[in-house]
Amino acid sequence: MAVDGKPQVAKQVIEAVDEENKSVRFKVTEGDIVEAYKTFAVTIRVDTHEEENVVTWTLDYEKVNEYIPNPDRLMELALNVTKDVETYLLLHLQPN
């Protein structure tokens, strides 16, 4: 992945999968993110209502110090990934 045009690396493990609530939680264990954050985890949840689907990304993190910025750029990346997945699904999974 790239943030602000700079390649970033992150190793993550799946902490939890909740099929009933359509969510998955990842914990970052290695990479560029752990240089700025003591802990960093991502939860992705899909809520469905009739034909409408909403994806919620939640970032849980602890900064290594108060001067570290909030991970706003990572949220922008998450939004872009969600839009890319939506575009792909709309193009390839439409009923004929």
PDB file of N, CA and C in Angstrom:
ATOM      1  N   MET A   1       0.836  -1.164   0.000  1.00  0.00           N
ATOM      2  CA  MET A   1       0.000   0.000   0.000  1.00  0.00           C
ATOM      3  C   MET A   1       0.886   1.232   0.000  1.00  0.00           C
ATOM      4  N   ALA A   2       0.332   2.345  -0.429  1.00  0.00           N
ATOM      5  CA  ALA A   2       1.067   3.604  -0.434  1.00  0.00           C
ATOM      6  C   ALA A   2       0.252   4.661   0.293  1.00  0.00           C
ATOM      7  N   VAL A   3       0.918   5.411   1.139  1.00  0.00           N
ATOM      8  CA  VAL A   3       0.294   6.520   1.857  1.00  0.00           C
ATOM      9  C   VAL A   3       1.105   7.761   1.531  1.00  0.00           C
ATOM     10  N   ASP A   4       0.441   8.784   1.028  1.00  0.00           N
ATOM     11  CA  ASP A   4       1.114  10.011   0.586  1.00  0.00           C
ATOM     12  C   ASP A   4       2.186   9.708  -0.456  1.00  0.00           C
ATOM     13  N   GLY A   5       1.935   8.726  -1.304  1.00  0.00           N
ATOM     14  CA  GLY A   5       2.868   8.372  -2.359  1.00  0.00           C
ATOM     15  C   GLY A   5       4.057   7.552  -1.907  1.00  0.00           C
ATOM     16  N   LYS A   6       4.136   7.230  -0.629  1.00  0.00           N
ATOM     17  CA  LYS A   6       5.256   6.451  -0.098  1.00  0.00           C
ATOM     18  C   LYS A   6       4.802   5.020   0.147  1.00  0.00           C
ATOM     19  N   PRO A   7       5.570   4.053  -0.358  1.00  0.00           N
ATOM     20  CA  PRO A   7       5.202   2.660  -0.083  1.00  0.00           C
ATOM     21  C   PRO A   7       5.241   2.368   1.416  1.00  0.00           C
ATOM     22  N   GLN A   8       4.253   1.655   1.896  1.00  0.00           N
ATOM     23  CA  GLN A   8       4.156   1.276   3.306  1.00  0.00           C
ATOM     24  C   GLN A   8       3.982  -0.236   3.385  1.00  0.00           C
ATOM     25  N   VAL A   9       4.529  -0.816   4.429  1.00  0.00           N
ATOM     26  CA  VAL A   9       4.423  -2.253   4.637  1.00  0.00           C
ATOM     27  C   VAL A   9       3.782  -2.498   5.997  1.00  0.00           C
ATOM     28  N   ALA A  10       2.884  -3.470   6.046  1.00  0.00           N
ATOM     29  CA  ALA A  10       2.265  -3.835   7.323  1.00  0.00           C
ATOM     30  C   ALA A  10       1.975  -5.326   7.320  1.00  0.00           C
ATOM     31  N   LYS A  11       2.426  -5.996   8.352  1.00  0.00           N
ATOM     32  CA  LYS A  11       2.066  -7.392   8.558  1.00  0.00           C
ATOM     33  C   LYS A  11       0.940  -7.397   9.575  1.00  0.00           C
ATOM     34  N   GLN A  12      -0.119  -8.115   9.245  1.00  0.00           N
ATOM     35  CA  GLN A  12      -1.264  -8.149  10.147  1.00  0.00           C
ATOM     36  C   GLN A  12      -1.748  -9.573  10.324  1.00  0.00           C
ATOM     37  N   VAL A  13      -2.377  -9.800  11.453  1.00  0.00           N
ATOM     38  CA  VAL A  13      -2.973 -11.098  11.740  1.00  0.00           C
ATOM     39  C   VAL A  13      -4.460 -10.889  11.980  1.00  0.00           C
ATOM     40  N   ILE A  14      -5.223 -11.899  11.638  1.00  0.00           N
ATOM     41  CA  ILE A  14      -6.659 -11.839  11.891  1.00  0.00           C
ATOM     42  C   ILE A  14      -6.885 -12.173  13.358  1.00  0.00           C
ATOM     43  N   GLU A  15      -7.472 -11.241  14.086  1.00  0.00           N
ATOM     44  CA  GLU A  15      -7.776 -11.450  15.505  1.00  0.00           C
ATOM     45  C   GLU A  15      -9.131 -12.099  15.695  1.00  0.00           C
ATOM     46  N   ALA A  16     -10.098 -11.699  14.881  1.00  0.00           N
ATOM     47  CA  ALA A  16     -11.456 -12.209  15.075  1.00  0.00           C
ATOM     48  C   ALA A  16     -12.247 -12.112  13.781  1.00  0.00           C
ATOM     49  N   VAL A  17     -13.094 -13.109  13.577  1.00  0.00           N
ATOM     50  CA  VAL A  17     -14.062 -13.102  12.483  1.00  0.00           C
ATOM     51  C   VAL A  17     -15.419 -13.364  13.106  1.00  0.00           C
ATOM     52  N   ASP A  18     -16.356 -12.480  12.839  1.00  0.00           N
ATOM     53  CA  ASP A  18     -17.711 -12.617  13.369  1.00  0.00           C
ATOM     54  C   ASP A  18     -18.660 -12.694  12.179  1.00  0.00           C
ATOM     55  N   GLU A  19     -18.974 -13.914  11.772  1.00  0.00           N
ATOM     56  CA  GLU A  19     -19.819 -14.101  10.595  1.00  0.00           C
ATOM     57  C   GLU A  19     -21.230 -13.570  10.816  1.00  0.00           C
ATOM     58  N   GLU A  20     -21.743 -13.731  12.021  1.00  0.00           N
ATOM     59  CA  GLU A  20     -23.102 -13.266  12.307  1.00  0.00           C
ATOM     60  C   GLU A  20     -23.215 -11.747  12.140  1.00  0.00           C
ATOM     61  N   ASN A  21     -22.220 -11.017  12.628  1.00  0.00           N
ATOM     62  CA  ASN A  21     -22.233  -9.554  12.522  1.00  0.00           C
ATOM     63  C   ASN A  21     -21.464  -9.034  11.311  1.00  0.00           C
ATOM     64  N   LYS A  22     -20.994  -9.950  10.474  1.00  0.00           N
ATOM     65  CA  LYS A  22     -20.277  -9.614   9.238  1.00  0.00           C
ATOM     66  C   LYS A  22     -19.117  -8.658   9.511  1.00  0.00           C
ATOM     67  N   SER A  23     -18.235  -9.091  10.407  1.00  0.00           N
ATOM     68  CA  SER A  23     -17.085  -8.247  10.722  1.00  0.00           C
ATOM     69  C   SER A  23     -15.817  -9.085  10.839  1.00  0.00           C
ATOM     70  N   VAL A  24     -14.702  -8.403  10.630  1.00  0.00           N
ATOM     71  CA  VAL A  24     -13.391  -9.023  10.790  1.00  0.00           C
ATOM     72  C   VAL A  24     -12.478  -7.983  11.435  1.00  0.00           C
ATOM     73  N   ARG A  25     -11.594  -8.460  12.321  1.00  0.00           N
ATOM     74  CA  ARG A  25     -10.664  -7.562  13.021  1.00  0.00           C
ATOM     75  C   ARG A  25      -9.242  -8.038  12.755  1.00  0.00           C
ATOM     76  N   PHE A  26      -8.405  -7.095  12.325  1.00  0.00           N
ATOM     77  CA  PHE A  26      -6.999  -7.347  12.059  1.00  0.00           C
ATOM     78  C   PHE A  26      -6.151  -6.572  13.056  1.00  0.00           C
ATOM     79  N   LYS A  27      -5.047  -7.172  13.475  1.00  0.00           N
ATOM     80  CA  LYS A  27      -4.087  -6.490  14.345  1.00  0.00           C
ATOM     81  C   LYS A  27      -2.770  -6.382  13.583  1.00  0.00           C
ATOM     82  N   VAL A  28      -2.223  -5.176  13.514  1.00  0.00           N
ATOM     83  CA  VAL A  28      -0.941  -4.966  12.850  1.00  0.00           C
ATOM     84  C   VAL A  28       0.163  -5.377  13.815  1.00  0.00           C
ATOM     85  N   THR A  29       1.064  -6.251  13.342  1.00  0.00           N
ATOM     86  CA  THR A  29       2.129  -6.766  14.202  1.00  0.00           C
ATOM     87  C   THR A  29       3.521  -6.298  13.791  1.00  0.00           C
ATOM     88  N   GLU A  30       3.682  -5.901  12.526  1.00  0.00           N
ATOM     89  CA  GLU A  30       4.990  -5.466  12.033  1.00  0.00           C
ATOM     90  C   GLU A  30       4.788  -4.437  10.932  1.00  0.00           C
ATOM     91  N   GLY A  31       5.857  -3.687  10.657  1.00  0.00           N
ATOM     92  CA  GLY A  31       5.828  -2.772   9.528  1.00  0.00           C
ATOM     93  C   GLY A  31       5.915  -1.314   9.927  1.00  0.00           C
ATOM     94  N   ASP A  32       5.685  -0.457   8.940  1.00  0.00           N
ATOM     95  CA  ASP A  32       5.831   0.983   9.129  1.00  0.00           C
ATOM     96  C   ASP A  32       4.892   1.539  10.196  1.00  0.00           C
ATOM     97  N   ILE A  33       3.711   0.996  10.307  1.00  0.00           N
ATOM     98  CA  ILE A  33       2.716   1.515  11.253  1.00  0.00           C
ATOM     99  C   ILE A  33       3.192   1.386  12.697  1.00  0.00           C
ATOM    100  N   VAL A  34       3.879   0.293  13.025  1.00  0.00           N
ATOM    101  CA  VAL A  34       4.282   0.091  14.425  1.00  0.00           C
ATOM    102  C   VAL A  34       5.387   1.060  14.863  1.00  0.00           C
ATOM    103  N   GLU A  35       5.971   1.782  13.917  1.00  0.00           N
ATOM    104  CA  GLU A  35       6.940   2.811  14.285  1.00  0.00           C
ATOM    105  C   GLU A  35       6.241   4.025  14.908  1.00  0.00           C
ATOM    106  N   ALA A  36       4.978   4.250  14.532  1.00  0.00           N
ATOM    107  CA  ALA A  36       4.242   5.421  15.019  1.00  0.00           C
ATOM    108  C   ALA A  36       3.187   5.074  16.060  1.00  0.00           C
ATOM    109  N   TYR A  37       2.750   3.823  16.073  1.00  0.00           N
ATOM    110  CA  TYR A  37       1.656   3.427  16.961  1.00  0.00           C
ATOM    111  C   TYR A  37       2.058   2.197  17.771  1.00  0.00           C
ATOM    112  N   LYS A  38       1.869   2.274  19.082  1.00  0.00           N
ATOM    113  CA  LYS A  38       2.167   1.133  19.957  1.00  0.00           C
ATOM    114  C   LYS A  38       1.265  -0.040  19.628  1.00  0.00           C
ATOM    115  N   THR A  39      -0.007   0.263  19.425  1.00  0.00           N
ATOM    116  CA  THR A  39      -0.979  -0.754  19.015  1.00  0.00           C
ATOM    117  C   THR A  39      -1.782  -0.190  17.859  1.00  0.00           C
ATOM    118  N   PHE A  40      -2.170  -1.081  16.954  1.00  0.00           N
ATOM    119  CA  PHE A  40      -2.969  -0.646  15.811  1.00  0.00           C
ATOM    120  C   PHE A  40      -3.799  -1.836  15.345  1.00  0.00           C
ATOM    121  N   ALA A  41      -5.104  -1.658  15.353  1.00  0.00           N
ATOM    122  CA  ALA A  41      -6.019  -2.712  14.906  1.00  0.00           C
ATOM    123  C   ALA A  41      -7.104  -2.087  14.034  1.00  0.00           C
ATOM    124  N   VAL A  42      -7.599  -2.883  13.107  1.00  0.00           N
ATOM    125  CA  VAL A  42      -8.631  -2.437  12.172  1.00  0.00           C
ATOM    126  C   VAL A  42      -9.797  -3.408  12.240  1.00  0.00           C
ATOM    127  N   THR A  43     -10.996  -2.872  12.370  1.00  0.00           N
ATOM    128  CA  THR A  43     -12.208  -3.683  12.296  1.00  0.00           C
ATOM    129  C   THR A  43     -13.004  -3.218  11.088  1.00  0.00           C
ATOM    130  N   ILE A  44     -13.403  -4.178  10.256  1.00  0.00           N
ATOM    131  CA  ILE A  44     -14.237  -3.888   9.088  1.00  0.00           C
ATOM    132  C   ILE A  44     -15.557  -4.611   9.296  1.00  0.00           C
ATOM    133  N   ARG A  45     -16.635  -3.857   9.201  1.00  0.00           N
ATOM    134  CA  ARG A  45     -17.966  -4.431   9.407  1.00  0.00           C
ATOM    135  C   ARG A  45     -18.869  -4.036   8.247  1.00  0.00           C
ATOM    136  N   VAL A  46     -19.693  -4.987   7.803  1.00  0.00           N
ATOM    137  CA  VAL A  46     -20.665  -4.724   6.742  1.00  0.00           C
ATOM    138  C   VAL A  46     -22.055  -4.852   7.337  1.00  0.00           C
ATOM    139  N   ASP A  47     -22.829  -3.788   7.214  1.00  0.00           N
ATOM    140  CA  ASP A  47     -24.223  -3.796   7.655  1.00  0.00           C
ATOM    141  C   ASP A  47     -25.107  -3.789   6.418  1.00  0.00           C
ATOM    142  N   THR A  48     -26.075  -4.684   6.408  1.00  0.00           N
ATOM    143  CA  THR A  48     -26.980  -4.769   5.266  1.00  0.00           C
ATOM    144  C   THR A  48     -28.406  -4.510   5.714  1.00  0.00           C
ATOM    145  N   HIS A  49     -29.127  -3.818   4.857  1.00  0.00           N
ATOM    146  CA  HIS A  49     -30.547  -3.571   5.080  1.00  0.00           C
ATOM    147  C   HIS A  49     -31.202  -3.570   3.707  1.00  0.00           C
ATOM    148  N   GLU A  50     -32.005  -4.608   3.467  1.00  0.00           N
ATOM    149  CA  GLU A  50     -32.624  -4.814   2.158  1.00  0.00           C
ATOM    150  C   GLU A  50     -31.524  -4.829   1.102  1.00  0.00           C
ATOM    151  N   GLU A  51     -31.505  -3.869   0.173  1.00  0.00           N
ATOM    152  CA  GLU A  51     -30.477  -3.886  -0.874  1.00  0.00           C
ATOM    153  C   GLU A  51     -29.361  -2.877  -0.626  1.00  0.00           C
ATOM    154  N   GLU A  52     -29.350  -2.282   0.550  1.00  0.00           N
ATOM    155  CA  GLU A  52     -28.323  -1.300   0.879  1.00  0.00           C
ATOM    156  C   GLU A  52     -27.279  -1.935   1.791  1.00  0.00           C
ATOM    157  N   ASN A  53     -26.008  -1.686   1.475  1.00  0.00           N
ATOM    158  CA  ASN A  53     -24.896  -2.195   2.270  1.00  0.00           C
ATOM    159  C   ASN A  53     -24.028  -1.026   2.714  1.00  0.00           C
ATOM    160  N   VAL A  54     -23.609  -1.052   3.963  1.00  0.00           N
ATOM    161  CA  VAL A  54     -22.739  -0.011   4.503  1.00  0.00           C
ATOM    162  C   VAL A  54     -21.514  -0.687   5.108  1.00  0.00           C
ATOM    163  N   VAL A  55     -20.337  -0.216   4.717  1.00  0.00           N
ATOM    164  CA  VAL A  55     -19.082  -0.735   5.258  1.00  0.00           C
ATOM    165  C   VAL A  55     -18.539   0.280   6.259  1.00  0.00           C
ATOM    166  N   THR A  56     -18.213  -0.199   7.458  1.00  0.00           N
ATOM    167  CA  THR A  56     -17.651   0.662   8.497  1.00  0.00           C
ATOM    168  C   THR A  56     -16.247   0.174   8.839  1.00  0.00           C
ATOM    169  N   TRP A  57     -15.296   1.070   8.746  1.00  0.00           N
ATOM    170  CA  TRP A  57     -13.923   0.795   9.150  1.00  0.00           C
ATOM    171  C   TRP A  57     -13.695   1.483  10.492  1.00  0.00           C
ATOM    172  N   THR A  58     -13.171   0.754  11.450  1.00  0.00           N
ATOM    173  CA  THR A  58     -12.836   1.325  12.751  1.00  0.00           C
ATOM    174  C   THR A  58     -11.356   1.078  13.016  1.00  0.00           C
ATOM    175  N   LEU A  59     -10.630   2.146  13.305  1.00  0.00           N
ATOM    176  CA  LEU A  59      -9.214   2.029  13.637  1.00  0.00           C
ATOM    177  C   LEU A  59      -9.050   2.232  15.133  1.00  0.00           C
ATOM    178  N   ASP A  60      -8.436   1.265  15.791  1.00  0.00           N
ATOM    179  CA  ASP A  60      -8.107   1.367  17.214  1.00  0.00           C
ATOM    180  C   ASP A  60      -6.591   1.443  17.309  1.00  0.00           C
ATOM    181  N   TYR A  61      -6.101   2.504  17.930  1.00  0.00           N
ATOM    182  CA  TYR A  61      -4.651   2.697  17.960  1.00  0.00           C
ATOM    183  C   TYR A  61      -4.217   3.457  19.203  1.00  0.00           C
ATOM    184  N   GLU A  62      -2.935   3.290  19.525  1.00  0.00           N
ATOM    185  CA  GLU A  62      -2.296   4.058  20.590  1.00  0.00           C
ATOM    186  C   GLU A  62      -1.003   4.620  20.011  1.00  0.00           C
ATOM    187  N   LYS A  63      -0.878   5.926  20.022  1.00  0.00           N
ATOM    188  CA  LYS A  63       0.298   6.594  19.466  1.00  0.00           C
ATOM    189  C   LYS A  63       1.516   6.369  20.363  1.00  0.00           C
ATOM    190  N   VAL A  64       2.715   6.349  19.753  1.00  0.00           N
ATOM    191  CA  VAL A  64       3.933   6.212  20.554  1.00  0.00           C
ATOM    192  C   VAL A  64       4.228   7.491  21.331  1.00  0.00           C
ATOM    193  N   ASN A  65       3.742   8.635  20.835  1.00  0.00           N
ATOM    194  CA  ASN A  65       3.855   9.895  21.573  1.00  0.00           C
ATOM    195  C   ASN A  65       2.791  10.860  21.064  1.00  0.00           C
ATOM    196  N   GLU A  66       2.645  11.977  21.741  1.00  0.00           N
ATOM    197  CA  GLU A  66       1.574  12.930  21.422  1.00  0.00           C
ATOM    198  C   GLU A  66       1.789  13.665  20.106  1.00  0.00           C
ATOM    199  N   TYR A  67       2.989  13.587  19.536  1.00  0.00           N
ATOM    200  CA  TYR A  67       3.293  14.306  18.302  1.00  0.00           C
ATOM    201  C   TYR A  67       2.945  13.511  17.048  1.00  0.00           C
ATOM    202  N   ILE A  68       2.609  12.271  17.216  1.00  0.00           N
ATOM    203  CA  ILE A  68       2.205  11.433  16.087  1.00  0.00           C
ATOM    204  C   ILE A  68       0.810  11.872  15.649  1.00  0.00           C
ATOM    205  N   PRO A  69       0.613  12.091  14.344  1.00  0.00           N
ATOM    206  CA  PRO A  69      -0.715  12.511  13.887  1.00  0.00           C
ATOM    207  C   PRO A  69      -1.721  11.360  13.937  1.00  0.00           C
ATOM    208  N   ASN A  70      -2.983  11.720  13.949  1.00  0.00           N
ATOM    209  CA  ASN A  70      -4.027  10.703  13.813  1.00  0.00           C
ATOM    210  C   ASN A  70      -3.883  10.053  12.437  1.00  0.00           C
ATOM    211  N   PRO A  71      -4.290   8.805  12.293  1.00  0.00           N
ATOM    212  CA  PRO A  71      -4.088   8.088  11.028  1.00  0.00           C
ATOM    213  C   PRO A  71      -5.129   8.449   9.951  1.00  0.00           C
ATOM    214  N   ASP A  72      -5.316   9.753   9.721  1.00  0.00           N
ATOM    215  CA  ASP A  72      -6.298  10.198   8.730  1.00  0.00           C
ATOM    216  C   ASP A  72      -5.991   9.680   7.330  1.00  0.00           C
ATOM    217  N   ARG A  73      -4.727   9.640   6.968  1.00  0.00           N
ATOM    218  CA  ARG A  73      -4.350   9.150   5.626  1.00  0.00           C
ATOM    219  C   ARG A  73      -4.707   7.669   5.464  1.00  0.00           C
ATOM    220  N   LEU A  74      -4.608   6.921   6.537  1.00  0.00           N
ATOM    221  CA  LEU A  74      -4.986   5.509   6.464  1.00  0.00           C
ATOM    222  C   LEU A  74      -6.493   5.358   6.298  1.00  0.00           C
ATOM    223  N   MET A  75      -7.262   6.262   6.895  1.00  0.00           N
ATOM    224  CA  MET A  75      -8.717   6.226   6.691  1.00  0.00           C
ATOM    225  C   MET A  75      -9.060   6.576   5.247  1.00  0.00           C
ATOM    226  N   GLU A  76      -8.321   7.509   4.651  1.00  0.00           N
ATOM    227  CA  GLU A  76      -8.523   7.827   3.240  1.00  0.00           C
ATOM    228  C   GLU A  76      -8.220   6.601   2.379  1.00  0.00           C
ATOM    229  N   LEU A  77      -7.156   5.890   2.726  1.00  0.00           N
ATOM    230  CA  LEU A  77      -6.816   4.664   2.009  1.00  0.00           C
ATOM    231  C   LEU A  77      -7.934   3.640   2.150  1.00  0.00           C
ATOM    232  N   ALA A  78      -8.474   3.489   3.350  1.00  0.00           N
ATOM    233  CA  ALA A  78      -9.579   2.552   3.579  1.00  0.00           C
ATOM    234  C   ALA A  78     -10.789   2.927   2.734  1.00  0.00           C
ATOM    235  N   LEU A  79     -11.097   4.208   2.651  1.00  0.00           N
ATOM    236  CA  LEU A  79     -12.212   4.667   1.826  1.00  0.00           C
ATOM    237  C   LEU A  79     -11.976   4.333   0.362  1.00  0.00           C
ATOM    238  N   ASN A  80     -10.763   4.562  -0.121  1.00  0.00           N
ATOM    239  CA  ASN A  80     -10.444   4.251  -1.517  1.00  0.00           C
ATOM    240  C   ASN A  80     -10.530   2.756  -1.796  1.00  0.00           C
ATOM    241  N   VAL A  81     -10.062   1.938  -0.865  1.00  0.00           N
ATOM    242  CA  VAL A  81     -10.163   0.480  -1.033  1.00  0.00           C
ATOM    243  C   VAL A  81     -11.629   0.068  -1.107  1.00  0.00           C
ATOM    244  N   THR A  82     -12.450   0.624  -0.231  1.00  0.00           N
ATOM    245  CA  THR A  82     -13.877   0.300  -0.226  1.00  0.00           C
ATOM    246  C   THR A  82     -14.524   0.687  -1.549  1.00  0.00           C
ATOM    247  N   LYS A  83     -14.200   1.855  -2.062  1.00  0.00           N
ATOM    248  CA  LYS A  83     -14.756   2.302  -3.349  1.00  0.00           C
ATOM    249  C   LYS A  83     -14.304   1.395  -4.486  1.00  0.00           C
ATOM    250  N   ASP A  84     -13.031   0.987  -4.469  1.00  0.00           N
ATOM    251  CA  ASP A  84     -12.520   0.087  -5.507  1.00  0.00           C
ATOM    252  C   ASP A  84     -13.225  -1.262  -5.471  1.00  0.00           C
ATOM    253  N   VAL A  85     -13.436  -1.800  -4.280  1.00  0.00           N
ATOM    254  CA  VAL A  85     -14.145  -3.078  -4.147  1.00  0.00           C
ATOM    255  C   VAL A  85     -15.586  -2.922  -4.624  1.00  0.00           C
ATOM    256  N   GLU A  86     -16.233  -1.831  -4.250  1.00  0.00           N
ATOM    257  CA  GLU A  86     -17.608  -1.583  -4.688  1.00  0.00           C
ATOM    258  C   GLU A  86     -17.691  -1.522  -6.213  1.00  0.00           C
ATOM    259  N   THR A  87     -16.779  -0.801  -6.835  1.00  0.00           N
ATOM    260  CA  THR A  87     -16.764  -0.694  -8.296  1.00  0.00           C
ATOM    261  C   THR A  87     -16.595  -2.062  -8.929  1.00  0.00           C
ATOM    262  N   TYR A  88     -15.657  -2.844  -8.426  1.00  0.00           N
ATOM    263  CA  TYR A  88     -15.434  -4.185  -8.961  1.00  0.00           C
ATOM    264  C   TYR A  88     -16.692  -5.038  -8.833  1.00  0.00           C
ATOM    265  N   LEU A  89     -17.291  -5.040  -7.656  1.00  0.00           N
ATOM    266  CA  LEU A  89     -18.478  -5.872  -7.435  1.00  0.00           C
ATOM    267  C   LEU A  89     -19.638  -5.441  -8.319  1.00  0.00           C
ATOM    268  N   LEU A  90     -19.833  -4.153  -8.479  1.00  0.00           N
ATOM    269  CA  LEU A  90     -20.922  -3.669  -9.326  1.00  0.00           C
ATOM    270  C   LEU A  90     -20.711  -4.050 -10.785  1.00  0.00           C
ATOM    271  N   LEU A  91     -19.468  -4.078 -11.226  1.00  0.00           N
ATOM    272  CA  LEU A  91     -19.172  -4.432 -12.618  1.00  0.00           C
ATOM    273  C   LEU A  91     -19.220  -5.931 -12.878  1.00  0.00           C
ATOM    274  N   HIS A  92     -18.834  -6.735 -11.896  1.00  0.00           N
ATOM    275  CA  HIS A  92     -18.651  -8.164 -12.135  1.00  0.00           C
ATOM    276  C   HIS A  92     -19.700  -9.077 -11.515  1.00  0.00           C
ATOM    277  N   LEU A  93     -20.501  -8.581 -10.612  1.00  0.00           N
ATOM    278  CA  LEU A  93     -21.446  -9.460  -9.932  1.00  0.00           C
ATOM    279  C   LEU A  93     -22.897  -9.081 -10.173  1.00  0.00           C
ATOM    280  N   GLN A  94     -23.155  -8.340 -11.228  1.00  0.00           N
ATOM    281  CA  GLN A  94     -24.530  -7.987 -11.563  1.00  0.00           C
ATOM    282  C   GLN A  94     -25.238  -9.201 -12.150  1.00  0.00           C
ATOM    283  N   PRO A  95     -26.481  -9.449 -11.719  1.00  0.00           N
ATOM    284  CA  PRO A  95     -27.226 -10.563 -12.312  1.00  0.00           C
ATOM    285  C   PRO A  95     -27.523 -10.281 -13.777  1.00  0.00           C
ATOM    286  N   ASN A  96     -27.500 -11.333 -14.576  1.00  0.00           N
ATOM    287  CA  ASN A  96     -27.773 -11.189 -16.023  1.00  0.00           C
ATOM    288  C   ASN A  96     -29.230 -11.344 -16.322  1.00  0.00           C
TER     289      ASN A  96
END
